PDB file of N, CA and C in Angstrom:
ATOM      1  N   MET A   1      26.556 -17.450 -25.860  1.00  0.00           N
ATOM      2  CA  MET A   1      25.258 -17.937 -26.271  1.00  0.00           C
ATOM      3  C   MET A   1      25.125 -17.731 -27.782  1.00  0.00           C
ATOM      4  N   PHE A   2      24.581 -18.702 -28.469  1.00  0.00           N
ATOM      5  CA  PHE A   2      24.370 -18.595 -29.908  1.00  0.00           C
ATOM      6  C   PHE A   2      23.228 -17.626 -30.188  1.00  0.00           C
ATOM      7  N   PRO A   3      23.293 -16.913 -31.315  1.00  0.00           N
ATOM      8  CA  PRO A   3      22.243 -15.921 -31.625  1.00  0.00           C
ATOM      9  C   PRO A   3      20.835 -16.503 -31.602  1.00  0.00           C
ATOM     10  N   LYS A   4      20.640 -17.701 -32.137  1.00  0.00           N
ATOM     11  CA  LYS A   4      19.304 -18.297 -32.176  1.00  0.00           C
ATOM     12  C   LYS A   4      18.768 -18.514 -30.763  1.00  0.00           C
ATOM     13  N   LYS A   5      19.615 -19.003 -29.868  1.00  0.00           N
ATOM     14  CA  LYS A   5      19.185 -19.238 -28.494  1.00  0.00           C
ATOM     15  C   LYS A   5      18.903 -17.920 -27.781  1.00  0.00           C
ATOM     16  N   ALA A   6      19.682 -16.900 -28.071  1.00  0.00           N
ATOM     17  CA  ALA A   6      19.459 -15.587 -27.459  1.00  0.00           C
ATOM     18  C   ALA A   6      18.110 -15.025 -27.888  1.00  0.00           C
ATOM     19  N   VAL A   7      17.776 -15.145 -29.163  1.00  0.00           N
ATOM     20  CA  VAL A   7      16.494 -14.645 -29.663  1.00  0.00           C
ATOM     21  C   VAL A   7      15.354 -15.490 -29.113  1.00  0.00           C
ATOM     22  N   GLN A   8      15.519 -16.801 -29.042  1.00  0.00           N
ATOM     23  CA  GLN A   8      14.469 -17.666 -28.500  1.00  0.00           C
ATOM     24  C   GLN A   8      14.181 -17.337 -27.033  1.00  0.00           C
ATOM     25  N   SER A   9      15.189 -16.854 -26.316  1.00  0.00           N
ATOM     26  CA  SER A   9      14.967 -16.492 -24.913  1.00  0.00           C
ATOM     27  C   SER A   9      14.110 -15.230 -24.779  1.00  0.00           C
ATOM     28  N   LEU A  10      13.941 -14.475 -25.872  1.00  0.00           N
ATOM     29  CA  LEU A  10      13.133 -13.257 -25.858  1.00  0.00           C
ATOM     30  C   LEU A  10      11.663 -13.497 -26.201  1.00  0.00           C
ATOM     31  N   VAL A  11      11.289 -14.733 -26.542  1.00  0.00           N
ATOM     32  CA  VAL A  11       9.890 -15.035 -26.892  1.00  0.00           C
ATOM     33  C   VAL A  11       8.996 -14.639 -25.718  1.00  0.00           C
ATOM     34  N   GLY A  12       7.933 -13.910 -26.030  1.00  0.00           N
ATOM     35  CA  GLY A  12       7.016 -13.425 -25.007  1.00  0.00           C
ATOM     36  C   GLY A  12       7.328 -12.025 -24.530  1.00  0.00           C
ATOM     37  N   ASN A  13       8.428 -11.440 -25.031  1.00  0.00           N
ATOM     38  CA  ASN A  13       8.834 -10.090 -24.652  1.00  0.00           C
ATOM     39  C   ASN A  13       8.693  -9.133 -25.828  1.00  0.00           C
ATOM     40  N   LYS A  14       8.655  -7.852 -25.526  1.00  0.00           N
ATOM     41  CA  LYS A  14       8.582  -6.822 -26.556  1.00  0.00           C
ATOM     42  C   LYS A  14       9.982  -6.593 -27.127  1.00  0.00           C
ATOM     43  N   VAL A  15      10.091  -6.511 -28.461  1.00  0.00           N
ATOM     44  CA  VAL A  15      11.374  -6.294 -29.131  1.00  0.00           C
ATOM     45  C   VAL A  15      11.226  -5.209 -30.205  1.00  0.00           C
ATOM     46  N   GLN A  16      12.345  -4.619 -30.562  1.00  0.00           N
ATOM     47  CA  GLN A  16      12.424  -3.716 -31.708  1.00  0.00           C
ATOM     48  C   GLN A  16      13.324  -4.369 -32.735  1.00  0.00           C
ATOM     49  N   ILE A  17      12.903  -4.316 -34.006  1.00  0.00           N
ATOM     50  CA  ILE A  17      13.646  -4.977 -35.082  1.00  0.00           C
ATOM     51  C   ILE A  17      13.919  -3.983 -36.196  1.00  0.00           C
ATOM     52  N   GLU A  18      15.190  -3.917 -36.609  1.00  0.00           N
ATOM     53  CA  GLU A  18      15.595  -3.086 -37.743  1.00  0.00           C
ATOM     54  C   GLU A  18      15.775  -4.006 -38.942  1.00  0.00           C
ATOM     55  N   MET A  19      15.156  -3.623 -40.059  1.00  0.00           N
ATOM     56  CA  MET A  19      15.196  -4.429 -41.272  1.00  0.00           C
ATOM     57  C   MET A  19      16.154  -3.818 -42.299  1.00  0.00           C
ATOM     58  N   LYS A  20      16.665  -4.648 -43.211  1.00  0.00           N
ATOM     59  CA  LYS A  20      17.503  -4.168 -44.311  1.00  0.00           C
ATOM     60  C   LYS A  20      16.721  -3.220 -45.207  1.00  0.00           C
ATOM     61  N   GLY A  21      17.388  -2.181 -45.708  1.00  0.00           N
ATOM     62  CA  GLY A  21      16.806  -1.294 -46.706  1.00  0.00           C
ATOM     63  C   GLY A  21      15.612  -0.498 -46.236  1.00  0.00           C
ATOM     64  N   ASP A  22      15.470  -0.309 -44.939  1.00  0.00           N
ATOM     65  CA  ASP A  22      14.306   0.398 -44.415  1.00  0.00           C
ATOM     66  C   ASP A  22      14.772   1.298 -43.283  1.00  0.00           C
ATOM     67  N   ASN A  23      14.258   2.533 -43.247  1.00  0.00           N
ATOM     68  CA  ASN A  23      14.648   3.437 -42.167  1.00  0.00           C
ATOM     69  C   ASN A  23      13.708   3.321 -40.973  1.00  0.00           C
ATOM     70  N   ALA A  24      12.710   2.461 -41.062  1.00  0.00           N
ATOM     71  CA  ALA A  24      11.752   2.262 -39.976  1.00  0.00           C
ATOM     72  C   ALA A  24      12.201   1.126 -39.068  1.00  0.00           C
ATOM     73  N   VAL A  25      11.725   1.176 -37.840  1.00  0.00           N
ATOM     74  CA  VAL A  25      11.943   0.112 -36.861  1.00  0.00           C
ATOM     75  C   VAL A  25      10.580  -0.477 -36.539  1.00  0.00           C
ATOM     76  N   LEU A  26      10.511  -1.792 -36.440  1.00  0.00           N
ATOM     77  CA  LEU A  26       9.269  -2.464 -36.066  1.00  0.00           C
ATOM     78  C   LEU A  26       9.358  -2.857 -34.600  1.00  0.00           C
ATOM     79  N   GLU A  27       8.292  -2.575 -33.853  1.00  0.00           N
ATOM     80  CA  GLU A  27       8.255  -2.920 -32.435  1.00  0.00           C
ATOM     81  C   GLU A  27       7.012  -3.744 -32.171  1.00  0.00           C
ATOM     82  N   GLY A  28       7.196  -4.877 -31.498  1.00  0.00           N
ATOM     83  CA  GLY A  28       6.060  -5.730 -31.188  1.00  0.00           C
ATOM     84  C   GLY A  28       6.434  -6.843 -30.239  1.00  0.00           C
ATOM     85  N   MET A  29       5.434  -7.656 -29.909  1.00  0.00           N
ATOM     86  CA  MET A  29       5.620  -8.782 -29.003  1.00  0.00           C
ATOM     87  C   MET A  29       6.117  -9.985 -29.800  1.00  0.00           C
ATOM     88  N   LEU A  30       7.281 -10.503 -29.438  1.00  0.00           N
ATOM     89  CA  LEU A  30       7.870 -11.659 -30.122  1.00  0.00           C
ATOM     90  C   LEU A  30       7.099 -12.916 -29.734  1.00  0.00           C
ATOM     91  N   LYS A  31       6.432 -13.527 -30.715  1.00  0.00           N
ATOM     92  CA  LYS A  31       5.633 -14.724 -30.460  1.00  0.00           C
ATOM     93  C   LYS A  31       6.395 -16.002 -30.760  1.00  0.00           C
ATOM     94  N   SER A  32       7.211 -16.008 -31.834  1.00  0.00           N
ATOM     95  CA  SER A  32       7.967 -17.220 -32.158  1.00  0.00           C
ATOM     96  C   SER A  32       9.125 -16.893 -33.086  1.00  0.00           C
ATOM     97  N   VAL A  33      10.092 -17.809 -33.111  1.00  0.00           N
ATOM     98  CA  VAL A  33      11.255 -17.709 -33.992  1.00  0.00           C
ATOM     99  C   VAL A  33      11.625 -19.140 -34.401  1.00  0.00           C
ATOM    100  N   ASP A  34      12.060 -19.312 -35.668  1.00  0.00           N
ATOM    101  CA  ASP A  34      12.428 -20.657 -36.118  1.00  0.00           C
ATOM    102  C   ASP A  34      13.932 -20.757 -36.360  1.00  0.00           C
ATOM    103  N   ASP A  35      14.375 -21.879 -36.924  1.00  0.00           N
ATOM    104  CA  ASP A  35      15.807 -22.129 -37.146  1.00  0.00           C
ATOM    105  C   ASP A  35      16.440 -21.156 -38.133  1.00  0.00           C
ATOM    106  N   TYR A  36      15.638 -20.539 -38.999  1.00  0.00           N
ATOM    107  CA  TYR A  36      16.155 -19.599 -39.995  1.00  0.00           C
ATOM    108  C   TYR A  36      16.024 -18.154 -39.531  1.00  0.00           C
ATOM    109  N   MET A  37      15.680 -17.964 -38.256  1.00  0.00           N
ATOM    110  CA  MET A  37      15.476 -16.646 -37.653  1.00  0.00           C
ATOM    111  C   MET A  37      14.284 -15.907 -38.238  1.00  0.00           C
ATOM    112  N   ASN A  38      13.358 -16.628 -38.875  1.00  0.00           N
ATOM    113  CA  ASN A  38      12.087 -16.022 -39.261  1.00  0.00           C
ATOM    114  C   ASN A  38      11.343 -15.726 -37.965  1.00  0.00           C
ATOM    115  N   ILE A  39      10.699 -14.572 -37.922  1.00  0.00           N
ATOM    116  CA  ILE A  39      10.126 -14.083 -36.671  1.00  0.00           C
ATOM    117  C   ILE A  39       8.655 -13.747 -36.843  1.00  0.00           C
ATOM    118  N   HIS A  40       7.860 -14.086 -35.834  1.00  0.00           N
ATOM    119  CA  HIS A  40       6.444 -13.709 -35.792  1.00  0.00           C
ATOM    120  C   HIS A  40       6.261 -12.708 -34.662  1.00  0.00           C
ATOM    121  N   LEU A  41       5.782 -11.499 -35.024  1.00  0.00           N
ATOM    122  CA  LEU A  41       5.491 -10.446 -34.047  1.00  0.00           C
ATOM    123  C   LEU A  41       3.993 -10.195 -34.006  1.00  0.00           C
ATOM    124  N   GLU A  42       3.470  -9.874 -32.830  1.00  0.00           N
ATOM    125  CA  GLU A  42       2.078  -9.450 -32.692  1.00  0.00           C
ATOM    126  C   GLU A  42       2.055  -8.057 -32.080  1.00  0.00           C
ATOM    127  N   ASN A  43       0.937  -7.353 -32.276  1.00  0.00           N
ATOM    128  CA  ASN A  43       0.776  -5.974 -31.795  1.00  0.00           C
ATOM    129  C   ASN A  43       1.915  -5.096 -32.296  1.00  0.00           C
ATOM    130  N   THR A  44       2.253  -5.248 -33.568  1.00  0.00           N
ATOM    131  CA  THR A  44       3.399  -4.573 -34.163  1.00  0.00           C
ATOM    132  C   THR A  44       3.049  -3.160 -34.597  1.00  0.00           C
ATOM    133  N   VAL A  45       3.983  -2.231 -34.333  1.00  0.00           N
ATOM    134  CA  VAL A  45       3.854  -0.854 -34.809  1.00  0.00           C
ATOM    135  C   VAL A  45       5.134  -0.490 -35.553  1.00  0.00           C
ATOM    136  N   GLU A  46       4.996   0.381 -36.544  1.00  0.00           N
ATOM    137  CA  GLU A  46       6.139   0.881 -37.305  1.00  0.00           C
ATOM    138  C   GLU A  46       6.547   2.214 -36.695  1.00  0.00           C
ATOM    139  N   ILE A  47       7.837   2.361 -36.397  1.00  0.00           N
ATOM    140  CA  ILE A  47       8.366   3.587 -35.801  1.00  0.00           C
ATOM    141  C   ILE A  47       9.344   4.215 -36.788  1.00  0.00           C
ATOM    142  N   VAL A  48       9.072   5.479 -37.168  1.00  0.00           N
ATOM    143  CA  VAL A  48       9.940   6.221 -38.083  1.00  0.00           C
ATOM    144  C   VAL A  48      10.374   7.497 -37.378  1.00  0.00           C
ATOM    145  N   ASN A  49      11.685   7.705 -37.278  1.00  0.00           N
ATOM    146  CA  ASN A  49      12.249   8.890 -36.611  1.00  0.00           C
ATOM    147  C   ASN A  49      11.705   9.059 -35.197  1.00  0.00           C
ATOM    148  N   GLY A  50      11.551   7.950 -34.478  1.00  0.00           N
ATOM    149  CA  GLY A  50      11.106   7.984 -33.097  1.00  0.00           C
ATOM    150  C   GLY A  50       9.610   8.152 -32.885  1.00  0.00           C
ATOM    151  N   GLU A  51       8.826   8.239 -33.964  1.00  0.00           N
ATOM    152  CA  GLU A  51       7.381   8.417 -33.849  1.00  0.00           C
ATOM    153  C   GLU A  51       6.656   7.206 -34.420  1.00  0.00           C
ATOM    154  N   LYS A  52       5.583   6.783 -33.733  1.00  0.00           N
ATOM    155  CA  LYS A  52       4.778   5.669 -34.232  1.00  0.00           C
ATOM    156  C   LYS A  52       4.010   6.135 -35.467  1.00  0.00           C
ATOM    157  N   LYS A  53       4.187   5.419 -36.578  1.00  0.00           N
ATOM    158  CA  LYS A  53       3.546   5.794 -37.841  1.00  0.00           C
ATOM    159  C   LYS A  53       2.336   4.938 -38.170  1.00  0.00           C
ATOM    160  N   ARG A  54       2.489   3.608 -38.078  1.00  0.00           N
ATOM    161  CA  ARG A  54       1.401   2.702 -38.465  1.00  0.00           C
ATOM    162  C   ARG A  54       1.289   1.558 -37.477  1.00  0.00           C
ATOM    163  N   VAL A  55       0.066   1.088 -37.302  1.00  0.00           N
ATOM    164  CA  VAL A  55      -0.172  -0.132 -36.533  1.00  0.00           C
ATOM    165  C   VAL A  55      -0.299  -1.267 -37.544  1.00  0.00           C
ATOM    166  N   LEU A  56       0.563  -2.288 -37.427  1.00  0.00           N
ATOM    167  CA  LEU A  56       0.609  -3.374 -38.400  1.00  0.00           C
ATOM    168  C   LEU A  56      -0.029  -4.661 -37.896  1.00  0.00           C
ATOM    169  N   GLY A  57      -0.202  -4.795 -36.589  1.00  0.00           N
ATOM    170  CA  GLY A  57      -0.815  -6.013 -36.046  1.00  0.00           C
ATOM    171  C   GLY A  57       0.136  -7.192 -36.062  1.00  0.00           C
ATOM    172  N   SER A  58      -0.314  -8.325 -36.609  1.00  0.00           N
ATOM    173  CA  SER A  58       0.482  -9.548 -36.668  1.00  0.00           C
ATOM    174  C   SER A  58       1.362  -9.531 -37.920  1.00  0.00           C
ATOM    175  N   VAL A  59       2.682  -9.756 -37.729  1.00  0.00           N
ATOM    176  CA  VAL A  59       3.649  -9.653 -38.828  1.00  0.00           C
ATOM    177  C   VAL A  59       4.606 -10.837 -38.765  1.00  0.00           C
ATOM    178  N   VAL A  60       4.950 -11.384 -39.939  1.00  0.00           N
ATOM    179  CA  VAL A  60       5.986 -12.409 -40.042  1.00  0.00           C
ATOM    180  C   VAL A  60       7.142 -11.802 -40.829  1.00  0.00           C
ATOM    181  N   LEU A  61       8.344 -11.855 -40.257  1.00  0.00           N
ATOM    182  CA  LEU A  61       9.534 -11.271 -40.876  1.00  0.00           C
ATOM    183  C   LEU A  61      10.496 -12.376 -41.286  1.00  0.00           C
ATOM    184  N   ARG A  62      11.018 -12.262 -42.492  1.00  0.00           N
ATOM    185  CA  ARG A  62      11.981 -13.245 -42.990  1.00  0.00           C
ATOM    186  C   ARG A  62      13.346 -12.979 -42.360  1.00  0.00           C
ATOM    187  N   GLY A  63      13.955 -14.020 -41.857  1.00  0.00           N
ATOM    188  CA  GLY A  63      15.186 -13.905 -41.086  1.00  0.00           C
ATOM    189  C   GLY A  63      16.352 -13.256 -41.811  1.00  0.00           C
ATOM    190  N   ASN A  64      16.492 -13.484 -43.113  1.00  0.00           N
ATOM    191  CA  ASN A  64      17.665 -12.934 -43.809  1.00  0.00           C
ATOM    192  C   ASN A  64      17.516 -11.437 -44.093  1.00  0.00           C
ATOM    193  N   ASN A  65      16.382 -10.823 -43.749  1.00  0.00           N
ATOM    194  CA  ASN A  65      16.202  -9.383 -43.915  1.00  0.00           C
ATOM    195  C   ASN A  65      16.330  -8.613 -42.611  1.00  0.00           C
ATOM    196  N   ILE A  66      16.620  -9.312 -41.524  1.00  0.00           N
ATOM    197  CA  ILE A  66      16.730  -8.682 -40.222  1.00  0.00           C
ATOM    198  C   ILE A  66      18.179  -8.288 -39.959  1.00  0.00           C
ATOM    199  N   ILE A  67      18.370  -7.034 -39.491  1.00  0.00           N
ATOM    200  CA  ILE A  67      19.713  -6.558 -39.152  1.00  0.00           C
ATOM    201  C   ILE A  67      19.947  -6.659 -37.635  1.00  0.00           C
ATOM    202  N   ILE A  68      19.028  -6.074 -36.862  1.00  0.00           N
ATOM    203  CA  ILE A  68      19.204  -5.993 -35.410  1.00  0.00           C
ATOM    204  C   ILE A  68      17.902  -6.352 -34.692  1.00  0.00           C
ATOM    205  N   ILE A  69      18.016  -7.087 -33.604  1.00  0.00           N
ATOM    206  CA  ILE A  69      16.881  -7.367 -32.716  1.00  0.00           C
ATOM    207  C   ILE A  69      17.259  -6.867 -31.327  1.00  0.00           C
ATOM    208  N   ASN A  70      16.483  -5.904 -30.812  1.00  0.00           N
ATOM    209  CA  ASN A  70      16.732  -5.329 -29.502  1.00  0.00           C
ATOM    210  C   ASN A  70      15.553  -5.583 -28.570  1.00  0.00           C
ATOM    211  N   PRO A  71      15.816  -6.100 -27.341  1.00  0.00           N
ATOM    212  CA  PRO A  71      14.724  -6.181 -26.376  1.00  0.00           C
ATOM    213  C   PRO A  71      14.366  -4.785 -25.901  1.00  0.00           C
ATOM    214  N   VAL A  72      13.069  -4.568 -25.612  1.00  0.00           N
ATOM    215  CA  VAL A  72      12.617  -3.245 -25.150  1.00  0.00           C
ATOM    216  C   VAL A  72      12.479  -3.296 -23.644  1.00  0.00           C
TER     217      VAL A  72
END
């Protein structure tokens, strides 16, 4: 399966995303993804060292800054 199709199959599910240059993980409900792997998350929280640090709400992430996408 191609990466884009795998991520599109996760729409509507909770995911954790690791970003470049950041030690935090973002966790939220995957609402949409486009051809460039730009991602829209809702109910997003920032997790640092296993602890929830901040509630971010609705977030749009640029695809070229994403390292890993994990379903929860």
